[in-house]
Amino acid sequence: MGNIGTTELILIIAVLFLFFGAKKIPELAQGLGKGIREFRKASREIQDDNDTETKKIDSKTPEQKG
């Protein structure tokens, strides 16, 4: 991701205020935070499942794999 300067950040915040208003922005940020947390949780669960299955496969002897 490229560098976002102060001017760009201020412009983005101003546009958000214009579109959503000051009262709605905290709600949007909270929803975004919850979504990111859920995504990370799901990603960790998938990674854990993948690691578990890989360990099961790696622990099998060559005779069991065939």
PDB file of N, CA and C in Angstrom:
ATOM      1  N   MET A   1       0.845  -1.164   0.000  1.00  0.00           N
ATOM      2  CA  MET A   1       0.000   0.000   0.000  1.00  0.00           C
ATOM      3  C   MET A   1       0.892   1.229   0.000  1.00  0.00           C
ATOM      4  N   GLY A   2       0.507   2.228  -0.706  1.00  0.00           N
ATOM      5  CA  GLY A   2       1.303   3.438  -0.806  1.00  0.00           C
ATOM      6  C   GLY A   2       1.210   4.284   0.455  1.00  0.00           C
ATOM      7  N   ASN A   3       2.061   5.238   0.535  1.00  0.00           N
ATOM      8  CA  ASN A   3       2.049   6.136   1.686  1.00  0.00           C
ATOM      9  C   ASN A   3       0.898   7.124   1.558  1.00  0.00           C
ATOM     10  N   ILE A   4       0.156   7.279   2.647  1.00  0.00           N
ATOM     11  CA  ILE A   4      -0.931   8.245   2.669  1.00  0.00           C
ATOM     12  C   ILE A   4      -0.446   9.431   3.484  1.00  0.00           C
ATOM     13  N   GLY A   5      -0.416  10.577   2.854  1.00  0.00           N
ATOM     14  CA  GLY A   5       0.039  11.786   3.525  1.00  0.00           C
ATOM     15  C   GLY A   5      -1.059  12.412   4.357  1.00  0.00           C
ATOM     16  N   THR A   6      -0.690  13.423   5.098  1.00  0.00           N
ATOM     17  CA  THR A   6      -1.636  14.119   5.970  1.00  0.00           C
ATOM     18  C   THR A   6      -2.767  14.746   5.175  1.00  0.00           C
ATOM     19  N   THR A   7      -2.442  15.349   4.054  1.00  0.00           N
ATOM     20  CA  THR A   7      -3.472  16.000   3.239  1.00  0.00           C
ATOM     21  C   THR A   7      -4.495  14.989   2.740  1.00  0.00           C
ATOM     22  N   GLU A   8      -4.032  13.848   2.268  1.00  0.00           N
ATOM     23  CA  GLU A   8      -4.949  12.819   1.773  1.00  0.00           C
ATOM     24  C   GLU A   8      -5.827  12.286   2.893  1.00  0.00           C
ATOM     25  N   LEU A   9      -5.239  12.102   4.067  1.00  0.00           N
ATOM     26  CA  LEU A   9      -5.989  11.599   5.205  1.00  0.00           C
ATOM     27  C   LEU A   9      -7.081  12.585   5.620  1.00  0.00           C
ATOM     28  N   ILE A  10      -6.750  13.852   5.660  1.00  0.00           N
ATOM     29  CA  ILE A  10      -7.735  14.887   6.001  1.00  0.00           C
ATOM     30  C   ILE A  10      -8.845  14.923   4.966  1.00  0.00           C
ATOM     31  N   LEU A  11      -8.500  14.804   3.704  1.00  0.00           N
ATOM     32  CA  LEU A  11      -9.496  14.788   2.641  1.00  0.00           C
ATOM     33  C   LEU A  11     -10.435  13.588   2.778  1.00  0.00           C
ATOM     34  N   ILE A  12      -9.899  12.437   3.079  1.00  0.00           N
ATOM     35  CA  ILE A  12     -10.720  11.230   3.253  1.00  0.00           C
ATOM     36  C   ILE A  12     -11.678  11.408   4.420  1.00  0.00           C
ATOM     37  N   ILE A  13     -11.175  11.937   5.531  1.00  0.00           N
ATOM     38  CA  ILE A  13     -12.028  12.166   6.699  1.00  0.00           C
ATOM     39  C   ILE A  13     -13.130  13.176   6.383  1.00  0.00           C
ATOM     40  N   ALA A  14     -12.791  14.226   5.662  1.00  0.00           N
ATOM     41  CA  ALA A  14     -13.794  15.233   5.291  1.00  0.00           C
ATOM     42  C   ALA A  14     -14.891  14.625   4.425  1.00  0.00           C
ATOM     43  N   VAL A  15     -14.519  13.798   3.478  1.00  0.00           N
ATOM     44  CA  VAL A  15     -15.510  13.150   2.605  1.00  0.00           C
ATOM     45  C   VAL A  15     -16.401  12.220   3.421  1.00  0.00           C
ATOM     46  N   LEU A  16     -15.814  11.495   4.372  1.00  0.00           N
ATOM     47  CA  LEU A  16     -16.618  10.620   5.230  1.00  0.00           C
ATOM     48  C   LEU A  16     -17.640  11.423   6.029  1.00  0.00           C
ATOM     49  N   PHE A  17     -17.210  12.561   6.584  1.00  0.00           N
ATOM     50  CA  PHE A  17     -18.141  13.408   7.326  1.00  0.00           C
ATOM     51  C   PHE A  17     -19.265  13.899   6.430  1.00  0.00           C
ATOM     52  N   LEU A  18     -18.941  14.268   5.194  1.00  0.00           N
ATOM     53  CA  LEU A  18     -19.976  14.753   4.280  1.00  0.00           C
ATOM     54  C   LEU A  18     -20.990  13.667   3.938  1.00  0.00           C
ATOM     55  N   PHE A  19     -20.494  12.453   3.688  1.00  0.00           N
ATOM     56  CA  PHE A  19     -21.395  11.370   3.292  1.00  0.00           C
ATOM     57  C   PHE A  19     -22.207  10.804   4.447  1.00  0.00           C
ATOM     58  N   PHE A  20     -21.571  10.617   5.591  1.00  0.00           N
ATOM     59  CA  PHE A  20     -22.227   9.882   6.666  1.00  0.00           C
ATOM     60  C   PHE A  20     -22.613  10.726   7.873  1.00  0.00           C
ATOM     61  N   GLY A  21     -22.013  11.864   8.055  1.00  0.00           N
ATOM     62  CA  GLY A  21     -22.301  12.681   9.229  1.00  0.00           C
ATOM     63  C   GLY A  21     -21.497  12.223  10.432  1.00  0.00           C
ATOM     64  N   ALA A  22     -21.356  13.102  11.391  1.00  0.00           N
ATOM     65  CA  ALA A  22     -20.509  12.839  12.547  1.00  0.00           C
ATOM     66  C   ALA A  22     -21.062  11.728  13.445  1.00  0.00           C
ATOM     67  N   LYS A  23     -22.374  11.574  13.499  1.00  0.00           N
ATOM     68  CA  LYS A  23     -22.969  10.561  14.378  1.00  0.00           C
ATOM     69  C   LYS A  23     -22.812   9.146  13.830  1.00  0.00           C
ATOM     70  N   LYS A  24     -22.772   9.012  12.544  1.00  0.00           N
ATOM     71  CA  LYS A  24     -22.747   7.685  11.932  1.00  0.00           C
ATOM     72  C   LYS A  24     -21.336   7.090  11.851  1.00  0.00           C
ATOM     73  N   ILE A  25     -20.321   7.924  11.831  1.00  0.00           N
ATOM     74  CA  ILE A  25     -18.945   7.439  11.645  1.00  0.00           C
ATOM     75  C   ILE A  25     -18.495   6.494  12.761  1.00  0.00           C
ATOM     76  N   PRO A  26     -18.764   6.773  14.057  1.00  0.00           N
ATOM     77  CA  PRO A  26     -18.359   5.803  15.087  1.00  0.00           C
ATOM     78  C   PRO A  26     -19.022   4.438  14.907  1.00  0.00           C
ATOM     79  N   GLU A  27     -20.277   4.439  14.474  1.00  0.00           N
ATOM     80  CA  GLU A  27     -20.969   3.174  14.224  1.00  0.00           C
ATOM     81  C   GLU A  27     -20.296   2.409  13.081  1.00  0.00           C
ATOM     82  N   LEU A  28     -19.946   3.128  12.025  1.00  0.00           N
ATOM     83  CA  LEU A  28     -19.277   2.488  10.892  1.00  0.00           C
ATOM     84  C   LEU A  28     -17.918   1.925  11.308  1.00  0.00           C
ATOM     85  N   ALA A  29     -17.172   2.687  12.101  1.00  0.00           N
ATOM     86  CA  ALA A  29     -15.857   2.233  12.554  1.00  0.00           C
ATOM     87  C   ALA A  29     -15.991   1.002  13.448  1.00  0.00           C
ATOM     88  N   GLN A  30     -16.990   0.991  14.298  1.00  0.00           N
ATOM     89  CA  GLN A  30     -17.211  -0.150  15.175  1.00  0.00           C
ATOM     90  C   GLN A  30     -17.571  -1.392  14.358  1.00  0.00           C
ATOM     91  N   GLY A  31     -18.423  -1.220  13.373  1.00  0.00           N
ATOM     92  CA  GLY A  31     -18.780  -2.341  12.500  1.00  0.00           C
ATOM     93  C   GLY A  31     -17.590  -2.853  11.723  1.00  0.00           C
ATOM     94  N   LEU A  32     -16.767  -1.949  11.252  1.00  0.00           N
ATOM     95  CA  LEU A  32     -15.562  -2.340  10.529  1.00  0.00           C
ATOM     96  C   LEU A  32     -14.615  -3.114  11.437  1.00  0.00           C
ATOM     97  N   GLY A  33     -14.456  -2.641  12.670  1.00  0.00           N
ATOM     98  CA  GLY A  33     -13.599  -3.329  13.632  1.00  0.00           C
ATOM     99  C   GLY A  33     -14.087  -4.739  13.921  1.00  0.00           C
ATOM    100  N   LYS A  34     -15.395  -4.885  14.101  1.00  0.00           N
ATOM    101  CA  LYS A  34     -15.969  -6.210  14.346  1.00  0.00           C
ATOM    102  C   LYS A  34     -15.744  -7.127  13.147  1.00  0.00           C
ATOM    103  N   GLY A  35     -15.912  -6.582  11.961  1.00  0.00           N
ATOM    104  CA  GLY A  35     -15.700  -7.379  10.754  1.00  0.00           C
ATOM    105  C   GLY A  35     -14.262  -7.850  10.623  1.00  0.00           C
ATOM    106  N   ILE A  36     -13.329  -6.974  10.927  1.00  0.00           N
ATOM    107  CA  ILE A  36     -11.906  -7.339  10.858  1.00  0.00           C
ATOM    108  C   ILE A  36     -11.588  -8.413  11.891  1.00  0.00           C
ATOM    109  N   ARG A  37     -12.135  -8.271  13.109  1.00  0.00           N
ATOM    110  CA  ARG A  37     -11.901  -9.283  14.150  1.00  0.00           C
ATOM    111  C   ARG A  37     -12.443 -10.642  13.733  1.00  0.00           C
ATOM    112  N   GLU A  38     -13.646 -10.666  13.175  1.00  0.00           N
ATOM    113  CA  GLU A  38     -14.244 -11.919  12.724  1.00  0.00           C
ATOM    114  C   GLU A  38     -13.413 -12.555  11.605  1.00  0.00           C
ATOM    115  N   PHE A  39     -12.933 -11.717  10.693  1.00  0.00           N
ATOM    116  CA  PHE A  39     -12.117 -12.222   9.596  1.00  0.00           C
ATOM    117  C   PHE A  39     -10.830 -12.840  10.128  1.00  0.00           C
ATOM    118  N   ARG A  40     -10.176 -12.157  11.068  1.00  0.00           N
ATOM    119  CA  ARG A  40      -8.936 -12.691  11.651  1.00  0.00           C
ATOM    120  C   ARG A  40      -9.194 -13.985  12.399  1.00  0.00           C
ATOM    121  N   LYS A  41     -10.303 -14.043  13.133  1.00  0.00           N
ATOM    122  CA  LYS A  41     -10.649 -15.256  13.875  1.00  0.00           C
ATOM    123  C   LYS A  41     -10.854 -16.423  12.912  1.00  0.00           C
ATOM    124  N   ALA A  42     -11.592 -16.189  11.850  1.00  0.00           N
ATOM    125  CA  ALA A  42     -11.840 -17.241  10.862  1.00  0.00           C
ATOM    126  C   ALA A  42     -10.535 -17.665  10.192  1.00  0.00           C
ATOM    127  N   SER A  43      -9.670 -16.715   9.906  1.00  0.00           N
ATOM    128  CA  SER A  43      -8.385 -17.031   9.289  1.00  0.00           C
ATOM    129  C   SER A  43      -7.542 -17.900  10.204  1.00  0.00           C
ATOM    130  N   ARG A  44      -7.524 -17.560  11.491  1.00  0.00           N
ATOM    131  CA  ARG A  44      -6.758 -18.362  12.461  1.00  0.00           C
ATOM    132  C   ARG A  44      -7.317 -19.769  12.555  1.00  0.00           C
ATOM    133  N   GLU A  45      -8.643 -19.899  12.571  1.00  0.00           N
ATOM    134  CA  GLU A  45      -9.261 -21.219  12.656  1.00  0.00           C
ATOM    135  C   GLU A  45      -8.911 -22.072  11.443  1.00  0.00           C
ATOM    136  N   ILE A  46      -8.951 -21.467  10.278  1.00  0.00           N
ATOM    137  CA  ILE A  46      -8.598 -22.203   9.061  1.00  0.00           C
ATOM    138  C   ILE A  46      -7.132 -22.619   9.098  1.00  0.00           C
ATOM    139  N   GLN A  47      -6.266 -21.710   9.530  1.00  0.00           N
ATOM    140  CA  GLN A  47      -4.834 -22.029   9.624  1.00  0.00           C
ATOM    141  C   GLN A  47      -4.598 -23.147  10.635  1.00  0.00           C
ATOM    142  N   ASP A  48      -5.285 -23.090  11.782  1.00  0.00           N
ATOM    143  CA  ASP A  48      -5.143 -24.137  12.792  1.00  0.00           C
ATOM    144  C   ASP A  48      -5.605 -25.488  12.250  1.00  0.00           C
ATOM    145  N   ASP A  49      -6.740 -25.500  11.555  1.00  0.00           N
ATOM    146  CA  ASP A  49      -7.231 -26.744  10.958  1.00  0.00           C
ATOM    147  C   ASP A  49      -6.238 -27.287   9.936  1.00  0.00           C
ATOM    148  N   ASN A  50      -5.694 -26.392   9.136  1.00  0.00           N
ATOM    149  CA  ASN A  50      -4.723 -26.787   8.119  1.00  0.00           C
ATOM    150  C   ASN A  50      -3.473 -27.371   8.778  1.00  0.00           C
ATOM    151  N   ASP A  51      -2.982 -26.724   9.834  1.00  0.00           N
ATOM    152  CA  ASP A  51      -1.803 -27.210  10.546  1.00  0.00           C
ATOM    153  C   ASP A  51      -2.057 -28.577  11.166  1.00  0.00           C
ATOM    154  N   THR A  52      -3.247 -28.765  11.743  1.00  0.00           N
ATOM    155  CA  THR A  52      -3.603 -30.040  12.354  1.00  0.00           C
ATOM    156  C   THR A  52      -3.604 -31.151  11.316  1.00  0.00           C
ATOM    157  N   GLU A  53      -4.227 -30.903  10.175  1.00  0.00           N
ATOM    158  CA  GLU A  53      -4.282 -31.915   9.122  1.00  0.00           C
ATOM    159  C   GLU A  53      -2.882 -32.217   8.574  1.00  0.00           C
ATOM    160  N   THR A  54      -2.059 -31.195   8.428  1.00  0.00           N
ATOM    161  CA  THR A  54      -0.697 -31.397   7.936  1.00  0.00           C
ATOM    162  C   THR A  54       0.095 -32.261   8.910  1.00  0.00           C
ATOM    163  N   LYS A  55      -0.062 -32.017  10.208  1.00  0.00           N
ATOM    164  CA  LYS A  55       0.639 -32.820  11.216  1.00  0.00           C
ATOM    165  C   LYS A  55       0.169 -34.268  11.170  1.00  0.00           C
ATOM    166  N   LYS A  56      -1.142 -34.489  10.956  1.00  0.00           N
ATOM    167  CA  LYS A  56      -1.663 -35.853  10.859  1.00  0.00           C
ATOM    168  C   LYS A  56      -1.040 -36.577   9.674  1.00  0.00           C
ATOM    169  N   ILE A  57      -0.974 -35.896   8.543  1.00  0.00           N
ATOM    170  CA  ILE A  57      -0.406 -36.503   7.335  1.00  0.00           C
ATOM    171  C   ILE A  57       1.081 -36.770   7.520  1.00  0.00           C
ATOM    172  N   ASP A  58       1.808 -35.825   8.105  1.00  0.00           N
ATOM    173  CA  ASP A  58       3.250 -35.973   8.304  1.00  0.00           C
ATOM    174  C   ASP A  58       3.587 -37.057   9.303  1.00  0.00           C
ATOM    175  N   SER A  59       2.677 -37.335  10.257  1.00  0.00           N
ATOM    176  CA  SER A  59       2.968 -38.339  11.286  1.00  0.00           C
ATOM    177  C   SER A  59       2.733 -39.758  10.786  1.00  0.00           C
ATOM    178  N   LYS A  60       2.069 -39.921   9.669  1.00  0.00           N
ATOM    179  CA  LYS A  60       1.833 -41.258   9.117  1.00  0.00           C
ATOM    180  C   LYS A  60       3.138 -41.821   8.547  1.00  0.00           C
ATOM    181  N   THR A  61       3.287 -43.129   8.681  1.00  0.00           N
ATOM    182  CA  THR A  61       4.464 -43.795   8.104  1.00  0.00           C
ATOM    183  C   THR A  61       4.240 -43.958   6.611  1.00  0.00           C
ATOM    184  N   PRO A  62       5.303 -44.186   5.849  1.00  0.00           N
ATOM    185  CA  PRO A  62       5.127 -44.346   4.401  1.00  0.00           C
ATOM    186  C   PRO A  62       4.150 -45.454   4.021  1.00  0.00           C
ATOM    187  N   GLU A  63       4.066 -46.512   4.820  1.00  0.00           N
ATOM    188  CA  GLU A  63       3.128 -47.609   4.518  1.00  0.00           C
ATOM    189  C   GLU A  63       1.678 -47.136   4.673  1.00  0.00           C
ATOM    190  N   GLN A  64       1.436 -46.261   5.642  1.00  0.00           N
ATOM    191  CA  GLN A  64       0.084 -45.764   5.886  1.00  0.00           C
ATOM    192  C   GLN A  64      -0.361 -44.763   4.833  1.00  0.00           C
ATOM    193  N   LYS A  65       0.603 -44.041   4.240  1.00  0.00           N
ATOM    194  CA  LYS A  65       0.258 -43.020   3.245  1.00  0.00           C
ATOM    195  C   LYS A  65      -0.261 -43.622   1.960  1.00  0.00           C
ATOM    196  N   GLY A  66       0.244 -44.800   1.585  1.00  0.00           N
ATOM    197  CA  GLY A  66      -0.080 -45.419   0.311  1.00  0.00           C
ATOM    198  C   GLY A  66      -1.450 -45.907   0.248  1.00  0.00           C
TER     199      GLY A  66
END
